[in-house]
Amino acid sequence: MNIFRLAGDMTHLMSIVVLLLKMHTIKSCAGISLKTQELYALVFITRYLDIFTDFVSLYNTVMKIFFLGTSISIVWYMRYHKVVKQSYDKDHDTFRHYFLILPCFLLALIINDEFTFREVLWTFSLYLEAVAIIPQLVLLQRTKNIDNLTGNYVFFLGAYRGLYILNWIYRYFTDSHYRRKGITWTSGIVQTLLYADFFYYYIRSWRRNERLNLPA
């Protein structure tokens, strides 16, 4: 544990809190991609298969339960909550997210650290997380109507991955037992790069004190 990993975890947690706050308080999921949320739920389901078998620490277990439970809850809210689901913009959230699942799974079968059931699914979760934000970014470009909570949610989500990259770099230079993992690093960098355009317009709108708007 170091300051970068802790900040990354707290930023990731904050992104979920912001999203749940939006759904619970104003009963709206406007601007949120259900496709992205379903991909994230799949990411956590396939990554945390060891939640009850490999105990690392209480902190690790609690965080796994939190992200797994909240990702499934968000999908439920958007699909079945009688008020929240009415604000879902399905007309613009049309990115075929299942086209991302098969290539990521095939890649995990080919490129992995160990060809075992759990390791392949863990690798699959890394590849899928790297691209899971794409439907969300496409939706924001199409709607042109990004409220503050939605913008903050995506910003915190991207910042979390950026902080994790700093965590890896820090551990690489300070922890003699830490081994660089090519799959993890590559997936994390790809994921962060996908946010680059959003970060630019988010920071620019914040500095100008104007509504966030992404170009088509």
Protein backbone atom coordinates (compact mmCIF):
# COMPACT_ATOMS: atom_id res chain seq x y z
CA MET A 1 0.00 0.00 0.00
CA ASN A 2 1.21 3.51 -0.81
CA ILE A 3 -0.31 6.96 -1.26
CA PHE A 4 -0.92 6.47 -4.99
CA ARG A 5 -2.77 3.19 -4.59
CA LEU A 6 -4.81 4.51 -1.67
CA ALA A 7 -5.69 7.65 -3.65
CA GLY A 8 -6.60 5.48 -6.64
CA ASP A 9 -8.88 3.27 -4.57
CA MET A 10 -10.55 6.27 -2.93
CA THR A 11 -11.02 7.97 -6.31
CA HIS A 12 -12.56 4.80 -7.73
CA LEU A 13 -14.81 4.58 -4.70
CA MET A 14 -15.75 8.24 -5.13
CA SER A 15 -16.80 7.64 -8.74
CA ILE A 16 -19.24 4.95 -7.61
CA VAL A 17 -20.55 7.11 -4.76
CA VAL A 18 -21.18 10.00 -7.18
CA LEU A 19 -23.10 7.72 -9.54
CA LEU A 20 -25.17 6.10 -6.79
CA LEU A 21 -25.85 9.53 -5.30
CA LYS A 22 -27.24 10.67 -8.62
CA MET A 23 -29.51 7.65 -8.93
CA HIS A 24 -30.66 7.62 -5.32
CA THR A 25 -31.22 11.33 -4.70
CA ILE A 26 -32.49 12.70 -8.01
CA LYS A 27 -33.71 9.32 -9.32
CA SER A 28 -31.95 9.77 -12.64
CA CYS A 29 -29.40 7.92 -14.76
CA ALA A 30 -29.44 10.45 -17.59
CA GLY A 31 -26.12 10.52 -19.41
CA ILE A 32 -25.03 7.17 -17.96
CA SER A 33 -24.38 4.25 -20.29
CA LEU A 34 -26.00 0.99 -19.21
CA LYS A 35 -23.69 -0.78 -21.65
CA THR A 36 -20.62 0.45 -19.77
CA GLN A 37 -22.15 -0.46 -16.40
CA GLU A 38 -22.88 -3.99 -17.62
CA LEU A 39 -19.29 -4.32 -18.81
CA TYR A 40 -17.97 -3.18 -15.42
CA ALA A 41 -20.23 -5.67 -13.64
CA LEU A 42 -18.78 -8.41 -15.84
CA VAL A 43 -15.26 -7.14 -15.10
CA PHE A 44 -15.71 -7.46 -11.34
CA ILE A 45 -17.55 -10.80 -11.52
CA THR A 46 -14.73 -12.41 -13.51
CA ARG A 47 -11.93 -10.71 -11.52
CA TYR A 48 -13.10 -11.48 -8.01
CA LEU A 49 -13.69 -15.22 -8.25
CA ASP A 50 -11.18 -15.59 -5.40
CA ILE A 51 -13.12 -13.37 -3.01
CA PHE A 52 -13.94 -16.21 -0.59
CA THR A 53 -10.92 -18.44 -1.20
CA ASP A 54 -7.78 -16.25 -1.24
CA PHE A 55 -7.73 -13.87 1.72
CA VAL A 56 -5.22 -11.02 1.35
CA SER A 57 -6.47 -8.49 3.90
CA LEU A 58 -9.70 -7.18 5.35
CA TYR A 59 -9.27 -4.00 3.29
CA ASN A 60 -8.86 -6.02 0.09
CA THR A 61 -11.91 -8.17 0.78
CA VAL A 62 -14.13 -5.22 1.72
CA MET A 63 -13.16 -3.32 -1.43
CA LYS A 64 -13.88 -6.36 -3.60
CA ILE A 65 -17.32 -6.82 -2.04
CA PHE A 66 -18.05 -3.11 -2.43
CA PHE A 67 -17.16 -2.88 -6.13
CA LEU A 68 -18.85 -6.17 -6.97
CA GLY A 69 -22.03 -5.29 -5.08
CA THR A 70 -22.29 -1.71 -6.34
CA SER A 71 -21.65 -2.62 -9.98
CA ILE A 72 -24.52 -5.12 -9.91
CA SER A 73 -26.72 -2.63 -8.01
CA ILE A 74 -26.15 0.09 -10.62
CA VAL A 75 -27.20 -2.26 -13.43
CA TRP A 76 -30.30 -3.20 -11.43
CA TYR A 77 -31.17 0.47 -10.85
CA MET A 78 -30.90 1.28 -14.52
CA ARG A 79 -32.84 -1.75 -15.69
CA TYR A 80 -35.53 -2.26 -13.09
CA HIS A 81 -36.01 0.74 -10.78
CA LYS A 82 -39.39 2.11 -11.80
CA VAL A 83 -38.27 5.76 -11.69
CA VAL A 84 -34.56 5.64 -12.54
CA LYS A 85 -35.00 3.46 -15.64
CA GLN A 86 -37.31 6.07 -17.21
CA SER A 87 -34.39 8.52 -17.50
CA TYR A 88 -32.13 6.04 -19.28
CA ASP A 89 -31.26 7.31 -22.76
CA LYS A 90 -31.39 4.06 -24.70
CA ASP A 91 -31.81 5.88 -28.01
CA HIS A 92 -28.23 7.21 -27.77
CA ASP A 93 -26.68 4.36 -25.80
CA THR A 94 -26.48 2.13 -28.85
CA PHE A 95 -22.82 1.07 -28.88
CA ARG A 96 -22.73 -2.70 -29.38
CA HIS A 97 -20.80 -3.52 -26.23
CA TYR A 98 -20.91 -7.26 -26.83
CA PHE A 99 -18.47 -6.66 -29.69
CA LEU A 100 -15.92 -5.81 -27.00
CA ILE A 101 -16.47 -8.95 -24.94
CA LEU A 102 -15.54 -11.65 -27.46
CA PRO A 103 -12.25 -10.06 -28.66
CA CYS A 104 -11.17 -9.49 -25.04
CA PHE A 105 -11.94 -13.10 -24.15
CA LEU A 106 -10.10 -14.47 -27.19
CA LEU A 107 -7.12 -12.24 -26.39
CA ALA A 108 -7.13 -13.55 -22.81
CA LEU A 109 -7.02 -17.11 -24.13
CA ILE A 110 -3.99 -16.27 -26.26
CA ILE A 111 -2.06 -13.81 -24.08
CA ASN A 112 -2.01 -14.64 -20.37
CA ASP A 113 0.49 -15.37 -17.61
CA GLU A 114 -0.88 -18.84 -16.95
CA PHE A 115 -3.42 -20.88 -18.87
CA THR A 116 -5.81 -21.73 -16.05
CA PHE A 117 -9.53 -21.03 -15.67
CA ARG A 118 -9.13 -18.34 -13.03
CA GLU A 119 -6.07 -16.72 -14.62
CA VAL A 120 -7.73 -16.49 -18.05
CA LEU A 121 -10.82 -14.85 -16.55
CA TRP A 122 -8.67 -12.48 -14.51
CA THR A 123 -6.77 -11.50 -17.66
CA PHE A 124 -10.06 -11.13 -19.52
CA SER A 125 -11.25 -8.71 -16.82
CA LEU A 126 -8.16 -6.54 -17.37
CA TYR A 127 -8.65 -6.38 -21.12
CA LEU A 128 -12.37 -5.68 -20.76
CA GLU A 129 -11.89 -2.96 -18.14
CA ALA A 130 -9.47 -1.19 -20.49
CA VAL A 131 -12.24 -0.65 -23.06
CA ALA A 132 -15.38 -0.70 -20.89
CA ILE A 133 -15.60 3.10 -20.85
CA ILE A 134 -16.03 3.32 -24.65
CA PRO A 135 -19.88 3.09 -24.67
CA GLN A 136 -19.99 5.81 -21.99
CA LEU A 137 -17.75 8.16 -23.95
CA VAL A 138 -19.73 7.54 -27.14
CA LEU A 139 -22.97 8.32 -25.30
CA LEU A 140 -21.59 11.60 -23.95
CA GLN A 141 -20.49 12.65 -27.44
CA ARG A 142 -23.94 11.91 -28.83
CA THR A 143 -26.09 13.56 -26.17
CA LYS A 144 -24.21 16.88 -25.82
CA ASN A 145 -25.91 17.17 -22.43
CA ILE A 146 -23.49 16.35 -19.64
CA ASP A 147 -24.56 17.29 -16.13
CA ASN A 148 -22.02 17.86 -13.36
CA LEU A 149 -22.55 14.53 -11.60
CA THR A 150 -22.07 12.55 -14.82
CA GLY A 151 -18.96 14.54 -15.72
CA ASN A 152 -17.51 14.07 -12.23
CA TYR A 153 -18.27 10.35 -12.33
CA VAL A 154 -16.32 9.82 -15.56
CA PHE A 155 -13.49 12.09 -14.35
CA PHE A 156 -13.04 10.19 -11.08
CA LEU A 157 -13.19 6.89 -12.96
CA GLY A 158 -10.38 7.98 -15.26
CA ALA A 159 -8.35 9.54 -12.45
CA TYR A 160 -8.42 6.25 -10.55
CA ARG A 161 -6.64 4.44 -13.36
CA GLY A 162 -4.10 7.24 -13.77
CA LEU A 163 -3.27 7.05 -10.05
CA TYR A 164 -2.86 3.29 -10.29
CA ILE A 165 -0.27 3.76 -13.03
CA LEU A 166 1.64 6.06 -10.66
CA ASN A 167 1.31 3.33 -8.02
CA TRP A 168 2.90 0.78 -10.37
CA ILE A 169 5.75 3.15 -11.22
CA TYR A 170 6.33 3.93 -7.54
CA ARG A 171 6.42 0.23 -6.60
CA TYR A 172 8.72 -0.56 -9.50
CA PHE A 173 11.38 1.79 -8.10
CA THR A 174 10.83 1.26 -4.36
CA ASP A 175 9.76 -2.38 -3.93
CA SER A 176 12.48 -4.92 -4.73
CA HIS A 177 9.91 -7.74 -4.69
CA TYR A 178 7.56 -6.03 -7.13
CA ARG A 179 7.56 -7.42 -10.64
CA ARG A 180 6.32 -5.44 -13.57
CA LYS A 181 3.33 -7.15 -15.17
CA GLY A 182 3.15 -6.40 -18.87
CA ILE A 183 -0.54 -7.28 -19.26
CA THR A 184 -1.61 -5.14 -16.30
CA TRP A 185 0.52 -2.17 -17.33
CA THR A 186 -0.50 -2.28 -20.98
CA SER A 187 -4.22 -2.56 -20.16
CA GLY A 188 -3.98 0.29 -17.66
CA ILE A 189 -2.19 2.58 -20.11
CA VAL A 190 -4.71 1.86 -22.88
CA GLN A 191 -7.56 2.56 -20.47
CA THR A 192 -6.03 5.87 -19.36
CA LEU A 193 -5.37 6.99 -22.93
CA LEU A 194 -9.06 6.51 -23.77
CA TYR A 195 -9.84 9.19 -21.19
CA ALA A 196 -7.32 11.71 -22.56
CA ASP A 197 -9.79 13.60 -24.76
CA PHE A 198 -12.41 13.67 -22.01
CA PHE A 199 -9.86 14.98 -19.47
CA TYR A 200 -8.94 17.84 -21.80
CA TYR A 201 -12.50 19.06 -22.23
CA TYR A 202 -13.40 18.42 -18.58
CA ILE A 203 -10.52 20.56 -17.30
CA ARG A 204 -11.16 23.23 -19.92
CA SER A 205 -14.85 23.51 -18.95
CA TRP A 206 -13.89 23.62 -15.26
CA ARG A 207 -11.40 26.45 -15.82
CA ARG A 208 -13.91 28.42 -17.90
CA ASN A 209 -16.73 27.66 -15.47
CA GLU A 210 -18.94 26.42 -18.30
CA ARG A 211 -20.98 23.30 -19.01
CA LEU A 212 -19.01 20.28 -20.17
CA ASN A 213 -19.51 19.57 -23.85
CA LEU A 214 -17.69 16.99 -25.93
CA PRO A 215 -17.20 17.47 -29.68
CA ALA A 216 -18.72 14.92 -32.04
